[in-house]
């Protein structure tokens, strides 16, 4: 489970690096982001290879699934931006979102990063000369869409779908 989380964080970092190169427009940062992203992939691979050998066959599939999840998160944010009629040619919003996603992983708030994500959006918007109020709205809409799409899983906390139905189970 921990390796899966690190793989997802790695994918998030790679996408963040790509958007960082687009948004920051600083050659030094570009080099650091690209080298850092490549080094992170190599480092995690070597850690898995030498410390968790049993998991090496699943490294690349897990990495690519993690990448797919993070890409869908970015697509979801693009949908939020579209719903607010915000031009999609502002990659700064995606960059801020990705930074906020990394920060929201830290165990410093309740509710899956609620509050920290909004702070990052407000401060990031100010840094890029965008409206911080819009940033907080974007963040809250993304959070609510995730919450609403995930709440249906609570059913399975109380109802095990794999549990045999006693009405159809053979009598012993």
N, C-alpha and C. Protein backbone atom coordinates (compact mmCIF):
# COMPACT_ATOMS: atom_id res chain seq x y z
N UNK A 1 0.83 -1.18 0.00
CA UNK A 1 0.00 0.00 0.00
C UNK A 1 0.88 1.25 0.00
N UNK A 2 1.94 1.22 0.79
CA UNK A 2 2.83 2.36 0.86
C UNK A 2 3.53 2.60 -0.48
N UNK A 3 3.95 1.53 -1.14
CA UNK A 3 4.58 1.67 -2.45
C UNK A 3 3.60 2.24 -3.47
N UNK A 4 2.33 1.85 -3.36
CA UNK A 4 1.31 2.40 -4.25
C UNK A 4 1.18 3.90 -4.04
N UNK A 5 1.19 4.34 -2.80
CA UNK A 5 1.10 5.78 -2.48
C UNK A 5 2.31 6.53 -3.02
N UNK A 6 3.49 5.95 -2.85
CA UNK A 6 4.68 6.61 -3.37
C UNK A 6 4.66 6.68 -4.89
N UNK A 7 4.14 5.64 -5.52
CA UNK A 7 4.03 5.64 -6.97
C UNK A 7 3.08 6.73 -7.45
N UNK A 8 1.97 6.90 -6.75
CA UNK A 8 1.03 7.98 -7.09
C UNK A 8 1.63 9.35 -6.86
N UNK A 9 2.39 9.49 -5.78
CA UNK A 9 3.06 10.76 -5.50
C UNK A 9 4.13 11.04 -6.56
N UNK A 10 4.81 10.01 -6.99
CA UNK A 10 5.80 10.15 -8.05
C UNK A 10 5.13 10.64 -9.34
N UNK A 11 4.02 10.05 -9.69
CA UNK A 11 3.29 10.47 -10.89
C UNK A 11 2.84 11.93 -10.75
N UNK A 12 2.36 12.29 -9.58
CA UNK A 12 1.96 13.67 -9.31
C UNK A 12 3.15 14.60 -9.48
N UNK A 13 4.31 14.20 -8.98
CA UNK A 13 5.51 15.01 -9.11
C UNK A 13 5.96 15.19 -10.55
N UNK A 14 5.80 14.16 -11.36
CA UNK A 14 6.19 14.26 -12.76
C UNK A 14 5.28 15.24 -13.50
N UNK A 15 3.97 15.12 -13.27
CA UNK A 15 3.04 16.05 -13.92
C UNK A 15 3.28 17.47 -13.41
N UNK A 16 3.56 17.60 -12.12
CA UNK A 16 3.88 18.92 -11.55
C UNK A 16 5.13 19.49 -12.22
N UNK A 17 6.12 18.66 -12.48
CA UNK A 17 7.34 19.12 -13.15
C UNK A 17 7.05 19.61 -14.56
N UNK A 18 6.20 18.90 -15.27
CA UNK A 18 5.84 19.31 -16.63
C UNK A 18 5.17 20.68 -16.61
N UNK A 19 4.18 20.83 -15.74
CA UNK A 19 3.51 22.12 -15.64
C UNK A 19 4.44 23.20 -15.09
N UNK A 20 5.36 22.83 -14.23
CA UNK A 20 6.33 23.78 -13.70
C UNK A 20 7.21 24.35 -14.80
N UNK A 21 7.63 23.49 -15.73
CA UNK A 21 8.44 23.94 -16.86
C UNK A 21 7.63 24.93 -17.71
N UNK A 22 6.35 24.65 -17.90
CA UNK A 22 5.50 25.52 -18.71
C UNK A 22 5.25 26.85 -18.01
N UNK A 23 5.00 26.82 -16.72
CA UNK A 23 4.55 28.00 -15.99
C UNK A 23 5.69 28.88 -15.47
N UNK A 24 6.74 28.28 -14.94
CA UNK A 24 7.77 29.06 -14.26
C UNK A 24 8.71 29.80 -15.20
N UNK A 25 8.92 29.28 -16.38
CA UNK A 25 9.72 29.94 -17.42
C UNK A 25 11.07 30.45 -16.89
N UNK A 26 11.76 29.58 -16.20
CA UNK A 26 13.07 29.90 -15.66
C UNK A 26 13.96 28.71 -15.96
N UNK A 27 15.03 28.93 -16.69
CA UNK A 27 15.86 27.81 -17.15
C UNK A 27 16.43 27.00 -15.98
N UNK A 28 16.80 27.66 -14.91
CA UNK A 28 17.33 26.93 -13.76
C UNK A 28 16.27 26.01 -13.16
N UNK A 29 15.05 26.54 -12.98
CA UNK A 29 13.96 25.72 -12.45
C UNK A 29 13.60 24.60 -13.42
N UNK A 30 13.63 24.90 -14.72
CA UNK A 30 13.33 23.87 -15.72
C UNK A 30 14.28 22.68 -15.59
N UNK A 31 15.56 22.99 -15.49
CA UNK A 31 16.57 21.93 -15.37
C UNK A 31 16.37 21.15 -14.07
N UNK A 32 16.16 21.88 -12.97
CA UNK A 32 15.94 21.21 -11.68
C UNK A 32 14.71 20.32 -11.70
N UNK A 33 13.63 20.79 -12.31
CA UNK A 33 12.39 19.99 -12.36
C UNK A 33 12.56 18.74 -13.22
N UNK A 34 13.19 18.90 -14.36
CA UNK A 34 13.37 17.74 -15.26
C UNK A 34 14.32 16.71 -14.64
N UNK A 35 15.45 17.18 -14.13
CA UNK A 35 16.42 16.27 -13.50
C UNK A 35 15.81 15.63 -12.26
N UNK A 36 15.07 16.43 -11.48
CA UNK A 36 14.43 15.91 -10.28
C UNK A 36 13.40 14.84 -10.58
N UNK A 37 12.61 15.05 -11.63
CA UNK A 37 11.59 14.07 -12.01
C UNK A 37 12.24 12.75 -12.45
N UNK A 38 13.26 12.85 -13.26
CA UNK A 38 13.96 11.64 -13.72
C UNK A 38 14.63 10.94 -12.54
N UNK A 39 15.28 11.70 -11.69
CA UNK A 39 15.96 11.13 -10.52
C UNK A 39 14.97 10.46 -9.58
N UNK A 40 13.78 11.04 -9.43
CA UNK A 40 12.78 10.45 -8.54
C UNK A 40 12.30 9.10 -9.07
N UNK A 41 12.11 9.00 -10.38
CA UNK A 41 11.69 7.72 -10.97
C UNK A 41 12.78 6.67 -10.75
N UNK A 42 14.01 7.04 -11.05
CA UNK A 42 15.13 6.11 -10.88
C UNK A 42 15.27 5.71 -9.41
N UNK A 43 15.17 6.68 -8.51
CA UNK A 43 15.33 6.40 -7.08
C UNK A 43 14.26 5.43 -6.58
N UNK A 44 13.00 5.70 -6.92
CA UNK A 44 11.94 4.79 -6.46
C UNK A 44 12.11 3.41 -7.06
N UNK A 45 12.50 3.34 -8.33
CA UNK A 45 12.72 2.03 -8.96
C UNK A 45 13.83 1.27 -8.23
N UNK A 46 14.92 1.95 -7.92
CA UNK A 46 16.03 1.28 -7.24
C UNK A 46 15.65 0.87 -5.83
N UNK A 47 14.89 1.69 -5.15
CA UNK A 47 14.43 1.32 -3.80
C UNK A 47 13.58 0.06 -3.87
N UNK A 48 12.66 0.02 -4.82
CA UNK A 48 11.81 -1.17 -4.95
C UNK A 48 12.65 -2.37 -5.37
N UNK A 49 13.56 -2.16 -6.29
CA UNK A 49 14.37 -3.26 -6.80
C UNK A 49 15.24 -3.90 -5.72
N UNK A 50 15.82 -3.09 -4.84
CA UNK A 50 16.74 -3.63 -3.86
C UNK A 50 16.11 -3.92 -2.50
N UNK A 51 15.05 -3.23 -2.14
CA UNK A 51 14.46 -3.44 -0.83
C UNK A 51 13.15 -4.24 -0.87
N UNK A 52 12.45 -4.18 -1.99
CA UNK A 52 11.15 -4.85 -2.11
C UNK A 52 11.10 -5.65 -3.41
N UNK A 53 12.01 -6.59 -3.55
CA UNK A 53 12.17 -7.34 -4.80
C UNK A 53 10.88 -8.01 -5.27
N UNK A 54 10.04 -8.43 -4.34
CA UNK A 54 8.80 -9.11 -4.72
C UNK A 54 7.85 -8.19 -5.47
N UNK A 55 8.03 -6.90 -5.32
CA UNK A 55 7.12 -5.94 -5.94
C UNK A 55 7.61 -5.39 -7.27
N UNK A 56 8.80 -5.77 -7.70
CA UNK A 56 9.37 -5.22 -8.92
C UNK A 56 8.52 -5.52 -10.17
N UNK A 57 7.86 -6.70 -10.28
CA UNK A 57 7.03 -6.91 -11.47
C UNK A 57 5.85 -5.93 -11.56
N UNK A 58 5.41 -5.43 -10.42
CA UNK A 58 4.28 -4.50 -10.43
C UNK A 58 4.68 -3.04 -10.44
N UNK A 59 5.99 -2.76 -10.47
CA UNK A 59 6.42 -1.36 -10.39
C UNK A 59 5.87 -0.51 -11.52
N UNK A 60 6.12 -0.93 -12.77
CA UNK A 60 5.70 -0.11 -13.91
C UNK A 60 4.18 -0.07 -14.07
N UNK A 61 3.48 -1.19 -13.94
CA UNK A 61 2.01 -1.07 -14.01
C UNK A 61 1.43 -0.16 -12.94
N UNK A 62 1.96 -0.25 -11.71
CA UNK A 62 1.48 0.61 -10.63
C UNK A 62 1.81 2.07 -10.93
N UNK A 63 3.00 2.31 -11.45
CA UNK A 63 3.40 3.67 -11.80
C UNK A 63 2.47 4.24 -12.87
N UNK A 64 2.19 3.46 -13.91
CA UNK A 64 1.34 3.98 -15.00
C UNK A 64 -0.11 4.15 -14.55
N UNK A 65 -0.61 3.28 -13.67
CA UNK A 65 -1.95 3.48 -13.12
C UNK A 65 -1.99 4.74 -12.26
N UNK A 66 -0.94 4.95 -11.48
CA UNK A 66 -0.85 6.18 -10.69
C UNK A 66 -0.82 7.42 -11.57
N UNK A 67 -0.09 7.33 -12.68
CA UNK A 67 -0.05 8.43 -13.64
C UNK A 67 -1.44 8.68 -14.23
N UNK A 68 -2.14 7.60 -14.56
CA UNK A 68 -3.50 7.75 -15.12
C UNK A 68 -4.43 8.42 -14.12
N UNK A 69 -4.35 8.03 -12.86
CA UNK A 69 -5.20 8.64 -11.83
C UNK A 69 -4.91 10.14 -11.74
N UNK A 70 -3.64 10.51 -11.72
CA UNK A 70 -3.29 11.92 -11.59
C UNK A 70 -3.70 12.71 -12.84
N UNK A 71 -3.59 12.10 -14.00
CA UNK A 71 -4.04 12.77 -15.23
C UNK A 71 -5.55 12.99 -15.18
N UNK A 72 -6.30 12.01 -14.69
CA UNK A 72 -7.75 12.20 -14.56
C UNK A 72 -8.09 13.28 -13.55
N UNK A 73 -7.27 13.43 -12.51
CA UNK A 73 -7.47 14.52 -11.56
C UNK A 73 -7.30 15.87 -12.27
N UNK A 74 -6.28 15.97 -13.12
CA UNK A 74 -6.06 17.20 -13.88
C UNK A 74 -7.22 17.44 -14.84
N UNK A 75 -7.71 16.40 -15.48
CA UNK A 75 -8.86 16.53 -16.38
C UNK A 75 -10.08 17.03 -15.60
N UNK A 76 -10.25 16.51 -14.39
CA UNK A 76 -11.36 16.95 -13.54
C UNK A 76 -11.23 18.44 -13.24
N UNK A 77 -10.01 18.90 -12.97
CA UNK A 77 -9.83 20.32 -12.70
C UNK A 77 -10.10 21.15 -13.94
N UNK A 78 -9.72 20.65 -15.11
CA UNK A 78 -10.07 21.35 -16.35
C UNK A 78 -11.59 21.48 -16.49
N UNK A 79 -12.31 20.45 -16.09
CA UNK A 79 -13.78 20.51 -16.13
C UNK A 79 -14.31 21.57 -15.17
N UNK A 80 -13.71 21.67 -13.99
CA UNK A 80 -14.10 22.72 -13.04
C UNK A 80 -13.84 24.09 -13.66
N UNK A 81 -12.67 24.25 -14.28
CA UNK A 81 -12.34 25.53 -14.91
C UNK A 81 -13.34 25.86 -16.02
N UNK A 82 -13.68 24.86 -16.82
CA UNK A 82 -14.69 25.07 -17.88
C UNK A 82 -16.03 25.48 -17.29
N UNK A 83 -16.42 24.85 -16.21
CA UNK A 83 -17.72 25.16 -15.60
C UNK A 83 -17.76 26.59 -15.06
N UNK A 84 -16.61 27.13 -14.71
CA UNK A 84 -16.52 28.51 -14.21
C UNK A 84 -16.21 29.51 -15.32
N UNK A 85 -16.14 29.02 -16.55
CA UNK A 85 -15.82 29.85 -17.72
C UNK A 85 -14.46 30.53 -17.60
N UNK A 86 -13.52 29.80 -17.05
CA UNK A 86 -12.14 30.27 -16.93
C UNK A 86 -11.38 29.74 -18.14
N UNK A 87 -10.63 30.62 -18.82
CA UNK A 87 -9.89 30.18 -20.02
C UNK A 87 -8.93 29.03 -19.68
N UNK A 88 -8.93 28.02 -20.54
CA UNK A 88 -8.09 26.85 -20.30
C UNK A 88 -6.62 27.10 -20.63
N UNK A 89 -6.31 28.23 -21.24
CA UNK A 89 -4.91 28.52 -21.57
C UNK A 89 -4.19 29.20 -20.40
N UNK A 90 -4.66 28.96 -19.18
CA UNK A 90 -3.99 29.44 -17.97
C UNK A 90 -3.46 28.24 -17.19
N UNK A 91 -2.31 27.72 -17.59
CA UNK A 91 -1.77 26.52 -16.91
C UNK A 91 -1.38 26.79 -15.46
N UNK A 92 -1.35 28.05 -15.06
CA UNK A 92 -1.02 28.37 -13.68
C UNK A 92 -2.00 27.72 -12.71
N UNK A 93 -3.29 27.65 -13.10
CA UNK A 93 -4.28 27.02 -12.22
C UNK A 93 -3.97 25.55 -12.00
N UNK A 94 -3.55 24.87 -13.05
CA UNK A 94 -3.22 23.45 -12.93
C UNK A 94 -1.96 23.29 -12.07
N UNK A 95 -0.98 24.16 -12.29
CA UNK A 95 0.24 24.11 -11.47
C UNK A 95 -0.09 24.31 -10.00
N UNK A 96 -0.91 25.30 -9.70
CA UNK A 96 -1.32 25.56 -8.32
C UNK A 96 -2.05 24.34 -7.75
N UNK A 97 -2.93 23.76 -8.55
CA UNK A 97 -3.67 22.56 -8.12
C UNK A 97 -2.71 21.43 -7.77
N UNK A 98 -1.71 21.21 -8.61
CA UNK A 98 -0.76 20.12 -8.37
C UNK A 98 0.07 20.37 -7.12
N UNK A 99 0.49 21.62 -6.91
CA UNK A 99 1.21 21.95 -5.67
C UNK A 99 0.29 21.71 -4.47
N UNK A 100 -0.96 22.14 -4.59
CA UNK A 100 -1.93 21.95 -3.50
C UNK A 100 -2.16 20.47 -3.23
N UNK A 101 -2.15 19.65 -4.28
CA UNK A 101 -2.34 18.21 -4.10
C UNK A 101 -1.19 17.60 -3.31
N UNK A 102 0.02 18.05 -3.59
CA UNK A 102 1.18 17.55 -2.85
C UNK A 102 1.08 18.00 -1.39
N UNK A 103 0.74 19.27 -1.16
CA UNK A 103 0.63 19.79 0.20
C UNK A 103 -0.50 19.09 0.97
N UNK A 104 -1.59 18.77 0.28
CA UNK A 104 -2.74 18.16 0.96
C UNK A 104 -2.44 16.75 1.46
N UNK A 105 -1.37 16.16 0.99
CA UNK A 105 -0.97 14.83 1.45
C UNK A 105 -0.43 14.90 2.88
N UNK A 106 0.16 16.03 3.23
CA UNK A 106 0.74 16.18 4.56
C UNK A 106 -0.35 16.14 5.62
N UNK A 107 -0.10 15.47 6.71
CA UNK A 107 -1.13 15.33 7.76
C UNK A 107 -1.21 16.57 8.66
N UNK A 108 -1.56 17.72 8.06
CA UNK A 108 -1.62 18.95 8.84
C UNK A 108 -3.02 19.55 8.86
N UNK A 109 -3.99 18.83 8.30
CA UNK A 109 -5.37 19.34 8.32
C UNK A 109 -6.33 18.17 8.40
N UNK A 110 -7.56 18.49 8.70
CA UNK A 110 -8.61 17.48 8.72
C UNK A 110 -9.29 17.44 7.37
N UNK A 111 -9.91 16.35 7.05
CA UNK A 111 -10.72 16.26 5.84
C UNK A 111 -9.94 16.18 4.55
N UNK A 112 -8.84 15.47 4.52
CA UNK A 112 -8.13 15.25 3.27
C UNK A 112 -7.52 16.51 2.67
N UNK A 113 -6.99 17.36 3.51
CA UNK A 113 -6.33 18.56 3.01
C UNK A 113 -7.22 19.78 2.94
N UNK A 114 -8.45 19.66 3.42
CA UNK A 114 -9.37 20.80 3.39
C UNK A 114 -8.76 21.93 4.22
N UNK A 115 -8.67 23.06 3.64
CA UNK A 115 -8.06 24.23 4.29
C UNK A 115 -6.67 24.49 3.76
N UNK A 116 -5.81 23.47 3.78
CA UNK A 116 -4.47 23.67 3.25
C UNK A 116 -4.51 23.87 1.74
N UNK A 117 -5.35 23.11 1.08
CA UNK A 117 -5.49 23.23 -0.38
C UNK A 117 -5.99 24.64 -0.74
N UNK A 118 -6.95 25.14 0.01
CA UNK A 118 -7.50 26.47 -0.28
C UNK A 118 -6.46 27.56 -0.03
N UNK A 119 -5.65 27.37 1.02
CA UNK A 119 -4.58 28.33 1.29
C UNK A 119 -3.57 28.35 0.14
N UNK A 120 -3.20 27.18 -0.35
CA UNK A 120 -2.26 27.10 -1.46
C UNK A 120 -2.86 27.76 -2.71
N UNK A 121 -4.14 27.52 -2.97
CA UNK A 121 -4.79 28.14 -4.12
C UNK A 121 -4.80 29.67 -3.99
N UNK A 122 -5.13 30.18 -2.81
CA UNK A 122 -5.18 31.64 -2.61
C UNK A 122 -3.79 32.26 -2.77
N UNK A 123 -2.79 31.66 -2.14
CA UNK A 123 -1.44 32.20 -2.22
C UNK A 123 -0.85 32.02 -3.62
N UNK A 124 -1.10 30.87 -4.23
CA UNK A 124 -0.60 30.63 -5.58
C UNK A 124 -1.23 31.59 -6.59
N UNK A 125 -2.51 31.86 -6.44
CA UNK A 125 -3.19 32.80 -7.33
C UNK A 125 -2.56 34.19 -7.20
N UNK A 126 -2.30 34.61 -5.98
CA UNK A 126 -1.65 35.91 -5.79
C UNK A 126 -0.25 35.93 -6.41
N UNK A 127 0.49 34.84 -6.26
CA UNK A 127 1.84 34.75 -6.82
C UNK A 127 1.81 34.93 -8.34
N UNK A 128 0.82 34.33 -9.00
CA UNK A 128 0.73 34.41 -10.46
C UNK A 128 -0.13 35.57 -10.95
N UNK A 129 -0.59 36.42 -10.04
CA UNK A 129 -1.41 37.57 -10.45
C UNK A 129 -2.83 37.19 -10.83
N UNK A 130 -3.34 36.11 -10.27
CA UNK A 130 -4.70 35.66 -10.52
C UNK A 130 -5.57 36.03 -9.32
N UNK A 131 -6.86 35.90 -9.47
CA UNK A 131 -7.80 36.24 -8.40
C UNK A 131 -7.81 35.13 -7.34
N UNK A 132 -7.38 35.44 -6.10
CA UNK A 132 -7.35 34.41 -5.06
C UNK A 132 -8.74 33.90 -4.68
N UNK A 133 -9.77 34.72 -4.82
CA UNK A 133 -11.13 34.27 -4.52
C UNK A 133 -11.56 33.18 -5.49
N UNK A 134 -11.21 33.36 -6.75
CA UNK A 134 -11.50 32.33 -7.75
C UNK A 134 -10.72 31.06 -7.42
N UNK A 135 -9.49 31.21 -6.96
CA UNK A 135 -8.68 30.05 -6.59
C UNK A 135 -9.33 29.23 -5.50
N UNK A 136 -9.86 29.90 -4.48
CA UNK A 136 -10.52 29.19 -3.38
C UNK A 136 -11.79 28.50 -3.90
N UNK A 137 -12.53 29.16 -4.78
CA UNK A 137 -13.73 28.55 -5.36
C UNK A 137 -13.37 27.30 -6.17
N UNK A 138 -12.32 27.40 -6.97
CA UNK A 138 -11.87 26.24 -7.76
C UNK A 138 -11.52 25.09 -6.82
N UNK A 139 -10.78 25.40 -5.77
CA UNK A 139 -10.37 24.37 -4.83
C UNK A 139 -11.57 23.71 -4.15
N UNK A 140 -12.51 24.51 -3.69
CA UNK A 140 -13.69 23.96 -3.01
C UNK A 140 -14.55 23.13 -3.97
N UNK A 141 -14.70 23.58 -5.20
CA UNK A 141 -15.49 22.80 -6.17
C UNK A 141 -14.82 21.47 -6.48
N UNK A 142 -13.51 21.48 -6.60
CA UNK A 142 -12.80 20.22 -6.83
C UNK A 142 -12.98 19.29 -5.64
N UNK A 143 -12.82 19.83 -4.44
CA UNK A 143 -12.97 19.04 -3.22
C UNK A 143 -14.37 18.44 -3.14
N UNK A 144 -15.38 19.26 -3.40
CA UNK A 144 -16.77 18.77 -3.32
C UNK A 144 -17.06 17.72 -4.39
N UNK A 145 -16.52 17.89 -5.57
CA UNK A 145 -16.74 16.88 -6.61
C UNK A 145 -16.09 15.56 -6.23
N UNK A 146 -14.91 15.61 -5.63
CA UNK A 146 -14.26 14.39 -5.15
C UNK A 146 -15.05 13.76 -4.02
N UNK A 147 -15.53 14.58 -3.11
CA UNK A 147 -16.30 14.09 -1.98
C UNK A 147 -17.58 13.41 -2.45
N UNK A 148 -18.30 14.06 -3.36
CA UNK A 148 -19.56 13.49 -3.84
C UNK A 148 -19.35 12.22 -4.65
N UNK A 149 -18.26 12.15 -5.40
CA UNK A 149 -18.03 10.93 -6.18
C UNK A 149 -17.51 9.79 -5.31
N UNK A 150 -16.96 10.10 -4.14
CA UNK A 150 -16.40 9.07 -3.26
C UNK A 150 -17.36 8.60 -2.18
N UNK A 151 -18.33 9.43 -1.83
CA UNK A 151 -19.20 9.11 -0.70
C UNK A 151 -19.98 7.81 -0.92
N UNK A 152 -20.20 7.45 -2.16
CA UNK A 152 -20.95 6.23 -2.46
C UNK A 152 -20.19 4.99 -2.00
N UNK A 153 -18.89 5.09 -1.82
CA UNK A 153 -18.11 3.97 -1.33
C UNK A 153 -18.40 3.64 0.13
N UNK A 154 -19.01 4.57 0.86
CA UNK A 154 -19.35 4.33 2.27
C UNK A 154 -20.32 3.15 2.40
N UNK A 155 -21.11 2.91 1.39
CA UNK A 155 -22.04 1.78 1.40
C UNK A 155 -21.28 0.48 1.66
N UNK A 156 -20.12 0.34 1.02
CA UNK A 156 -19.36 -0.90 1.10
C UNK A 156 -18.62 -1.04 2.43
N UNK A 157 -18.56 0.02 3.21
CA UNK A 157 -18.00 -0.09 4.55
C UNK A 157 -18.93 -0.95 5.41
N UNK A 158 -20.22 -0.82 5.18
CA UNK A 158 -21.21 -1.51 5.99
C UNK A 158 -21.81 -2.74 5.31
N UNK A 159 -21.56 -2.91 4.01
CA UNK A 159 -22.10 -4.04 3.25
C UNK A 159 -20.97 -4.67 2.44
N UNK A 160 -20.56 -5.85 2.86
CA UNK A 160 -19.49 -6.55 2.18
C UNK A 160 -20.05 -7.24 0.94
N UNK A 161 -19.66 -6.81 -0.25
CA UNK A 161 -20.21 -7.43 -1.47
C UNK A 161 -19.70 -8.86 -1.68
N UNK A 162 -18.63 -9.23 -1.02
CA UNK A 162 -18.07 -10.57 -1.19
C UNK A 162 -18.62 -11.57 -0.18
N UNK A 163 -19.36 -11.07 0.77
CA UNK A 163 -19.92 -11.92 1.80
C UNK A 163 -21.04 -12.76 1.18
N UNK A 164 -21.05 -14.03 1.53
CA UNK A 164 -22.09 -14.92 0.99
C UNK A 164 -23.47 -14.54 1.52
N UNK A 165 -24.42 -14.63 0.64
CA UNK A 165 -25.80 -14.39 1.03
C UNK A 165 -26.31 -15.66 1.68
N UNK A 166 -26.76 -15.57 2.93
CA UNK A 166 -27.18 -16.77 3.68
C UNK A 166 -28.40 -17.43 3.06
N UNK A 167 -29.16 -16.70 2.25
CA UNK A 167 -30.36 -17.31 1.63
C UNK A 167 -29.99 -18.28 0.52
N UNK A 168 -28.83 -18.06 -0.11
CA UNK A 168 -28.47 -18.96 -1.22
C UNK A 168 -27.34 -19.90 -0.87
N UNK A 169 -26.78 -19.78 0.31
CA UNK A 169 -25.67 -20.64 0.74
C UNK A 169 -26.23 -22.05 1.03
N UNK A 170 -25.51 -23.06 0.64
CA UNK A 170 -25.96 -24.42 0.91
C UNK A 170 -25.94 -24.72 2.42
N UNK A 171 -26.90 -25.47 2.85
CA UNK A 171 -26.98 -25.85 4.28
C UNK A 171 -25.92 -26.90 4.56
N UNK A 172 -25.27 -26.76 5.68
CA UNK A 172 -24.23 -27.73 6.06
C UNK A 172 -24.76 -28.73 7.05
